[in-house]
Protein backbone atom coordinates (compact mmCIF):
# COMPACT_ATOMS: atom_id res chain seq x y z
CA UNK A 1 17.51 37.56 -10.35
CA UNK A 2 20.67 39.62 -10.77
CA UNK A 3 22.85 39.71 -7.67
CA UNK A 4 23.59 43.22 -6.34
CA UNK A 5 26.93 42.19 -4.83
CA UNK A 6 29.12 39.21 -5.66
CA UNK A 7 32.09 39.85 -3.36
CA UNK A 8 30.24 39.78 -0.04
CA UNK A 9 30.71 36.93 2.41
CA UNK A 10 27.81 34.47 2.19
CA UNK A 11 24.66 35.32 4.14
CA UNK A 12 24.31 31.70 5.28
CA UNK A 13 27.16 29.35 6.09
CA UNK A 14 27.24 25.65 6.91
CA UNK A 15 28.68 24.92 10.36
CA UNK A 16 29.03 21.97 12.71
CA UNK A 17 25.82 23.14 14.39
CA UNK A 18 23.88 23.71 11.16
CA UNK A 19 22.99 26.47 8.71
CA UNK A 20 24.02 29.77 10.31
CA UNK A 21 23.40 33.41 9.43
CA UNK A 22 26.32 35.21 11.16
CA UNK A 23 24.96 38.69 10.45
CA UNK A 24 21.54 37.83 11.85
CA UNK A 25 22.78 35.74 14.76
CA UNK A 26 20.45 32.80 14.12
CA UNK A 27 20.45 29.24 12.80
CA UNK A 28 18.03 27.58 10.41
CA UNK A 29 16.97 24.03 11.39
CA UNK A 30 20.09 23.49 13.55
CA UNK A 31 20.98 19.93 14.47
CA UNK A 32 22.55 21.10 17.74
CA UNK A 33 21.00 23.47 20.31
CA UNK A 34 21.18 27.16 19.38
CA UNK A 35 20.18 30.44 21.03
CA UNK A 36 17.80 31.27 18.16
CA UNK A 37 16.53 28.57 15.80
CA UNK A 38 14.36 29.32 12.77
CA UNK A 39 12.52 26.12 11.86
CA UNK A 40 11.18 25.22 8.41
CA UNK A 41 8.84 22.46 9.67
CA UNK A 42 8.22 20.00 12.47
CA UNK A 43 9.76 16.79 11.12
CA UNK A 44 12.39 15.51 13.50
CA UNK A 45 15.40 15.97 11.21
CA UNK A 46 14.60 19.71 11.06
CA UNK A 47 13.03 20.41 14.48
CA UNK A 48 15.37 19.21 17.20
CA UNK A 49 15.12 19.87 20.91
CA UNK A 50 17.40 21.99 23.09
CA UNK A 51 17.39 25.47 21.50
CA UNK A 52 16.56 28.48 23.69
CA UNK A 53 14.12 30.12 21.25
CA UNK A 54 12.34 28.73 18.21
CA UNK A 55 10.70 30.82 15.51
CA UNK A 56 8.24 29.03 13.23
CA UNK A 57 5.40 29.80 10.86
CA UNK A 58 2.32 30.41 13.03
CA UNK A 59 0.27 27.82 11.13
CA UNK A 60 2.65 25.17 12.41
CA UNK A 61 2.60 26.02 16.10
CA UNK A 62 0.29 23.14 16.99
CA UNK A 63 2.27 20.40 15.24
CA UNK A 64 5.55 21.93 16.46
CA UNK A 65 4.40 21.77 20.09
CA UNK A 66 3.12 18.25 19.50
CA UNK A 67 6.61 17.35 18.32
CA UNK A 68 8.74 19.14 20.95
CA UNK A 69 6.35 19.63 23.85
CA UNK A 70 3.93 22.24 25.14
CA UNK A 71 6.54 24.02 27.28
CA UNK A 72 9.00 24.74 24.46
CA UNK A 73 9.84 28.45 23.95
CA UNK A 74 8.44 29.08 20.46
CA UNK A 75 7.24 32.18 18.64
CA UNK A 76 4.96 31.94 15.61
CA UNK A 77 4.97 34.45 12.75
CA UNK A 78 2.55 35.00 9.89
CA UNK A 79 3.51 33.90 6.40
CA UNK A 80 5.12 36.89 4.69
CA UNK A 81 5.64 38.81 7.95
CA UNK A 82 9.05 40.49 7.96
CA UNK A 83 11.30 40.30 11.01
CA UNK A 84 14.40 42.50 11.22
CA UNK A 85 17.44 41.74 13.35
CA UNK A 86 20.94 43.23 13.07
CA UNK A 87 20.15 44.59 9.61
CA UNK A 88 18.93 41.20 8.34
CA UNK A 89 15.31 40.76 7.25
CA UNK A 90 13.71 37.32 7.60
CA UNK A 91 10.32 36.05 6.43
CA UNK A 92 8.55 32.68 6.24
CA UNK A 93 6.75 31.54 3.07
CA UNK A 94 4.59 28.44 2.46
CA UNK A 95 6.51 25.34 1.39
CA UNK A 96 3.54 23.00 0.82
CA UNK A 97 5.30 20.13 2.62
CA UNK A 98 3.19 19.68 5.76
CA UNK A 99 1.00 21.96 7.88
CA UNK A 100 3.03 25.02 8.88
CA UNK A 101 6.01 24.20 6.66
CA UNK A 102 7.94 27.20 5.40
CA UNK A 103 10.70 28.36 3.16
CA UNK A 104 12.85 30.89 4.98
CA UNK A 105 13.83 34.05 3.08
CA UNK A 106 16.89 35.96 4.36
CA UNK A 107 17.73 39.42 3.00
CA UNK A 108 20.48 41.91 3.69
CA UNK A 109 21.25 45.05 1.66
CA UNK A 110 19.24 43.83 -1.30
CA UNK A 111 20.77 40.34 -1.40
CA UNK A 112 18.25 37.48 -0.95
CA UNK A 113 18.84 33.86 0.05
CA UNK A 114 16.09 31.24 0.40
CA UNK A 115 16.28 27.99 2.35
CA UNK A 116 13.47 25.76 1.06
CA UNK A 117 13.44 23.13 3.79
CA UNK A 118 11.32 20.27 2.45
CA UNK A 119 8.67 21.27 -0.07
CA UNK A 120 6.22 20.07 -2.70
CA UNK A 121 4.17 21.76 -5.39
CA UNK A 122 1.30 19.27 -5.67
CA UNK A 123 -2.13 20.23 -4.36
CA UNK A 124 -2.74 19.32 -0.71
CA UNK A 125 -5.87 20.37 1.16
CA UNK A 126 -4.15 19.96 4.54
CA UNK A 127 -1.51 22.67 4.18
CA UNK A 128 -0.87 25.98 2.46
CA UNK A 129 0.26 25.78 -1.16
CA UNK A 130 3.90 26.33 -2.09
CA UNK A 131 4.79 29.95 -2.80
CA UNK A 132 7.56 30.75 -5.26
CA UNK A 133 10.12 33.11 -3.68
CA UNK A 134 12.60 34.86 -6.05
CA UNK A 135 16.16 34.95 -4.76
CA UNK A 136 19.83 35.28 -5.66
CA UNK A 137 20.90 32.11 -3.83
CA UNK A 138 18.73 29.03 -3.32
CA UNK A 139 19.40 26.23 -0.84
CA UNK A 140 17.08 23.47 -2.02
CA UNK A 141 16.33 19.93 -0.95
CA UNK A 142 16.57 17.24 -3.63
CA UNK A 143 15.28 14.14 -1.86
CA UNK A 144 13.89 12.82 -5.16
CA UNK A 145 16.36 14.55 -7.47
CA UNK A 146 16.42 11.99 -10.29
CA UNK A 147 14.33 11.89 -13.49
CA UNK A 148 12.68 8.61 -12.42
CA UNK A 149 10.68 10.51 -9.80
CA UNK A 150 7.58 11.99 -11.43
CA UNK A 151 4.39 12.04 -9.38
CA UNK A 152 0.94 11.21 -10.76
CA UNK A 153 -2.04 13.44 -10.02
CA UNK A 154 -3.07 13.13 -6.38
CA UNK A 155 -6.76 12.19 -7.03
CA UNK A 156 -5.58 9.18 -9.04
CA UNK A 157 -3.56 7.91 -6.07
CA UNK A 158 -6.48 8.29 -3.67
CA UNK A 159 -8.63 6.34 -6.12
CA UNK A 160 -6.06 3.53 -6.13
CA UNK A 161 -6.06 3.43 -2.32
CA UNK A 162 -9.87 3.23 -2.26
CA UNK A 163 -9.89 0.39 -4.81
CA UNK A 164 -7.32 -1.58 -2.80
CA UNK A 165 -9.35 -1.07 0.39
CA UNK A 166 -12.54 -2.23 -1.36
CA UNK A 167 -10.89 -5.39 -2.70
CA UNK A 168 -9.50 -6.21 0.75
CA UNK A 169 -12.97 -5.92 2.27
CA UNK A 170 -14.24 -8.48 -0.26
CA UNK A 171 -11.47 -10.83 0.86
CA UNK A 172 -12.14 -10.22 4.56
CA UNK A 173 -8.75 -8.54 5.11
CA UNK A 174 -8.00 -5.43 7.10
CA UNK A 175 -6.19 -2.80 5.01
CA UNK A 176 -3.04 -1.53 6.74
CA UNK A 177 -1.47 1.49 5.10
CA UNK A 178 1.96 2.53 6.37
CA UNK A 179 2.47 6.26 6.19
CA UNK A 180 4.56 8.85 8.02
CA UNK A 181 2.76 10.08 11.10
CA UNK A 182 3.17 13.80 10.42
CA UNK A 183 2.04 15.17 7.08
CA UNK A 184 1.62 12.15 4.83
CA UNK A 185 -1.02 10.49 7.01
CA UNK A 186 -3.04 13.71 7.27
CA UNK A 187 -2.77 14.28 3.53
CA UNK A 188 -4.23 10.84 2.93
CA UNK A 189 -7.03 11.55 5.40
CA UNK A 190 -7.74 14.79 3.59
CA UNK A 191 -8.07 12.94 0.29
CA UNK A 192 -10.28 10.04 1.41
CA UNK A 193 -13.50 12.05 1.42
CA UNK A 194 -15.90 9.12 0.95
CA UNK A 195 -14.69 6.24 3.15
CA UNK A 196 -16.23 2.78 2.77
CA UNK A 197 -15.60 1.71 6.36
CA UNK A 198 -13.96 2.82 9.60
CA UNK A 199 -10.57 4.55 9.39
CA UNK A 200 -8.42 3.62 12.36
CA UNK A 201 -5.25 5.42 13.41
CA UNK A 202 -2.19 4.24 15.25
CA UNK A 203 -1.63 6.37 18.35
CA UNK A 204 1.31 8.26 16.83
CA UNK A 205 -0.69 9.16 13.73
CA UNK A 206 -3.70 10.11 15.84
CA UNK A 207 -1.61 12.52 17.91
CA UNK A 208 -0.70 14.60 14.86
CA UNK A 209 -4.18 14.27 13.34
CA UNK A 210 -5.51 15.86 16.52
CA UNK A 211 -3.01 18.72 16.13
CA UNK A 212 -4.20 19.26 12.55
CA UNK A 213 -7.85 19.37 13.59
CA UNK A 214 -7.07 21.78 16.41
CA UNK A 215 -5.36 23.98 13.81
CA UNK A 216 -8.56 24.13 11.78
CA UNK A 217 -7.80 21.46 9.16
CA UNK A 218 -10.79 19.29 8.25
CA UNK A 219 -10.02 15.57 8.18
CA UNK A 220 -12.35 12.64 7.61
CA UNK A 221 -13.67 11.00 10.80
CA UNK A 222 -11.27 8.49 12.37
CA UNK A 223 -10.95 6.29 15.42
CA UNK A 224 -7.89 5.62 17.54
CA UNK A 225 -6.76 2.00 17.63
CA UNK A 226 -7.45 0.87 21.18
CA UNK A 227 -6.61 -2.67 22.16
CA UNK A 228 -10.08 -3.51 23.48
CA UNK A 229 -11.95 -2.46 20.35
CA UNK A 230 -9.64 -3.33 17.49
CA UNK A 231 -11.07 -6.78 16.73
CA UNK A 232 -14.34 -5.17 15.67
CA UNK A 233 -12.46 -3.44 12.82
CA UNK A 234 -11.05 -6.69 11.40
CA UNK A 235 -11.83 -7.18 7.72
CA UNK A 236 -13.48 -3.77 7.33
CA UNK A 237 -11.16 -0.97 8.37
CA UNK A 238 -8.42 1.03 6.80
CA UNK A 239 -5.66 1.27 9.40
CA UNK A 240 -3.05 4.02 9.02
CA UNK A 241 0.14 3.40 10.95
CA UNK A 242 3.78 4.54 10.89
CA UNK A 243 6.27 2.23 9.14
CA UNK A 244 7.71 1.22 12.52
CA UNK A 245 4.51 -0.74 13.23
CA UNK A 246 5.28 -3.26 10.49
CA UNK A 247 5.85 -6.78 11.80
CA UNK A 248 4.99 -5.89 15.41
CA UNK A 249 2.49 -7.67 17.69
CA UNK A 250 0.32 -4.55 17.45
CA UNK A 251 -0.93 -5.73 14.05
CA UNK A 252 -2.30 -9.04 15.31
CA UNK A 253 -5.41 -7.40 16.74
CA UNK A 254 -6.67 -6.70 13.20
CA UNK A 255 -6.73 -10.33 12.02
CA UNK A 256 -5.74 -11.05 8.41
CA UNK A 257 -4.20 -7.93 6.89
CA UNK A 258 -3.14 -6.61 3.51
CA UNK A 259 -0.25 -4.16 3.82
CA UNK A 260 0.76 -1.18 1.70
CA UNK A 261 3.18 1.71 1.95
CA UNK A 262 2.59 5.29 0.77
CA UNK A 263 5.92 6.84 -0.20
CA UNK A 264 7.78 8.40 -3.08
CA UNK A 265 10.19 5.46 -2.89
CA UNK A 266 7.40 3.26 -4.23
CA UNK A 267 8.19 4.78 -7.65
CA UNK A 268 11.10 2.34 -7.83
CA UNK A 269 10.30 -0.94 -9.52
CA UNK A 270 10.15 -3.84 -7.09
CA UNK A 271 10.18 -1.71 -3.94
CA UNK A 272 6.97 -3.12 -2.45
CA UNK A 273 7.74 -6.68 -3.54
CA UNK A 274 11.17 -6.69 -1.92
CA UNK A 275 9.63 -5.57 1.37
CA UNK A 276 6.88 -8.22 1.16
CA UNK A 277 4.21 -5.55 0.94
CA UNK A 278 1.03 -6.23 -0.97
CA UNK A 279 0.93 -2.75 -2.52
CA UNK A 280 2.91 0.42 -2.86
CA UNK A 281 1.35 3.83 -3.47
CA UNK A 282 3.48 6.64 -4.86
CA UNK A 283 2.64 9.52 -2.53
CA UNK A 284 5.32 12.03 -1.60
CA UNK A 285 5.40 15.34 0.24
CA UNK A 286 8.55 16.35 -1.64
CA UNK A 287 9.05 17.82 -5.10
CA UNK A 288 9.55 15.41 -7.97
CA UNK A 289 12.17 15.95 -10.69
CA UNK A 290 10.12 18.28 -12.95
CA UNK A 291 8.92 20.43 -10.01
CA UNK A 292 12.45 20.62 -8.59
CA UNK A 293 13.86 21.93 -11.87
CA UNK A 294 10.92 24.30 -12.32
CA UNK A 295 11.51 25.77 -8.88
CA UNK A 296 15.21 26.32 -9.50
CA UNK A 297 14.47 27.99 -12.82
CA UNK A 298 11.55 30.12 -11.65
CA UNK A 299 13.26 31.56 -8.57
CA UNK A 300 15.82 33.18 -10.87
CA UNK A 301 18.59 32.11 -8.49
CA UNK A 302 22.17 32.57 -9.72
CA UNK A 303 23.65 30.17 -7.17
CA UNK A 304 22.16 26.79 -6.19
CA UNK A 305 23.09 24.67 -3.19
CA UNK A 306 21.60 21.17 -3.20
CA UNK A 307 21.10 19.31 0.04
CA UNK A 308 19.72 16.01 1.39
CA UNK A 309 19.02 13.75 -1.53
CA UNK A 310 20.64 13.03 -4.87
CA UNK A 311 22.91 16.05 -4.56
CA UNK A 312 25.73 14.70 -6.73
CA UNK A 313 23.46 13.86 -9.62
CA UNK A 314 21.45 17.08 -9.43
CA UNK A 315 24.54 19.31 -9.18
CA UNK A 316 26.13 17.58 -12.15
CA UNK A 317 22.99 18.10 -14.23
CA UNK A 318 22.73 21.76 -13.20
CA UNK A 319 26.37 22.47 -14.05
CA UNK A 320 26.01 20.76 -17.42
CA UNK A 321 23.06 23.04 -18.10
CA UNK A 322 24.70 26.31 -17.14
CA UNK A 323 23.92 26.79 -13.44
CA UNK A 324 26.41 27.64 -10.71
CA UNK A 325 25.66 24.76 -8.34
CA UNK A 326 27.26 22.96 -5.39
CA UNK A 327 26.36 20.19 -2.99
CA UNK A 328 25.81 21.21 0.62
CA UNK A 329 26.30 18.47 3.17
CA UNK A 330 23.79 18.69 6.01
CA UNK A 331 22.13 16.33 8.46
CA UNK A 332 18.71 16.79 6.91
CA UNK A 333 17.40 13.57 5.50
CA UNK A 334 14.02 14.31 3.95
CA UNK A 335 11.96 11.23 3.28
CA UNK A 336 15.11 9.15 3.75
CA UNK A 337 14.79 9.78 7.47
CA UNK A 338 11.35 8.25 7.32
CA UNK A 339 12.27 5.23 5.26
CA UNK A 340 15.78 3.95 5.64
CA UNK A 341 19.12 4.32 7.37
CA UNK A 342 21.06 5.55 4.34
CA UNK A 343 19.97 7.51 1.28
CA UNK A 344 19.69 5.51 -1.94
CA UNK A 345 22.66 6.20 -4.17
CA UNK A 346 22.45 6.27 -7.94
CA UNK A 347 25.67 5.24 -9.66
CA UNK A 348 27.81 8.37 -10.09
CA UNK A 349 28.94 7.26 -13.52
CA UNK A 350 25.40 6.76 -14.83
CA UNK A 351 24.17 9.62 -17.04
CA UNK A 352 21.32 11.27 -15.22
CA UNK A 353 19.14 11.10 -18.31
CA UNK A 354 19.27 7.31 -17.99
CA UNK A 355 18.29 7.29 -14.31
CA UNK A 356 14.66 6.73 -15.28
CA UNK A 357 15.60 3.12 -16.09
CA UNK A 358 16.91 2.36 -12.61
CA UNK A 359 15.13 0.02 -10.24
CA UNK A 360 15.48 -0.28 -6.49
CA UNK A 361 18.45 -2.65 -6.62
CA UNK A 362 20.42 -0.35 -8.92
CA UNK A 363 20.08 2.72 -6.72
CA UNK A 364 21.16 0.89 -3.60
CA UNK A 365 17.70 1.13 -2.09
CA UNK A 366 16.83 -1.86 0.06
CA UNK A 367 13.09 -1.68 0.74
CA UNK A 368 13.70 -3.90 3.73
CA UNK A 369 15.43 -0.90 5.29
CA UNK A 370 12.54 1.46 4.63
CA UNK A 371 10.88 0.77 7.97
CA UNK A 372 13.76 1.90 10.20
CA UNK A 373 11.83 5.07 10.83
CA UNK A 374 13.88 7.89 12.38
CA UNK A 375 11.27 10.58 11.86
CA UNK A 376 7.52 10.23 12.18
């Protein structure tokens, strides 16, 4: 997409408060309170409290209010609806990350910037599919921006989860699947269409599942884990809980358990073993390496900013292949926020083409850290 003007000041700048559009007078996913905050989605590293006015995609109003409270001042807009302010036109477009997630398109005098937020391009029945948005400048996440990260077809993963659950029932064990409370858990519920026993939700997961149902998303029947009834689920149920529940007294009510974690980080060899998990399922609500590169190419963007993830490695690869690319340091953390205190670092001197041979110890990923959940 050829840029109409190259000498203009940037439409979006990175500030101490977050991504700011000076001409429009708004911030995008600010990490400090702002007068006007445009929010890509309701995960806690993008939707923070304290701003005077929030603008979100209308499909995400329910989960946004579940996150920040019913009294928050929030305005929902339709996907594709254009809002004009101070000569700047803004619109929200599906990101495919979680229910109501959006890429934010910013245009002024024919120049277009897109902030992706978090996004994925895999099929997901619980949220709107990713929409490609052509632009001159793209600010993209790269949580899983290494060649090792390549996701299998979603139905295959759900089949693996069902097989693990079935085997646990034969052994008299309760299946406990750790999954992020917003988005990932609901995606799993949307894929388990033929359950073989009760599906029981931790209270945090249940809260967001309720918000999904109230937004018109069909999910398989579930029960909330109440202390007085939980023993009846022992040996039969699939329990979905946030990673923070691992190793807590809350688990004792389910008797003998087999534990698993659904995350893109499970792509790394040895990740589940190092955390003493019985299984790891590779399920991510972020783009993998091929989808990330496809998105960059298909937008036609002339300038790429990479944020929250393997920015150094991705930017190096893009520059070597002819793109104008830079890292953009933000406080967004993607799936890192849901799994560990610090992002896993690939060695800077390792050719990115060889990154597919890395295991969890080589990228600095300690699966024991993956349950210090900052974002649900």
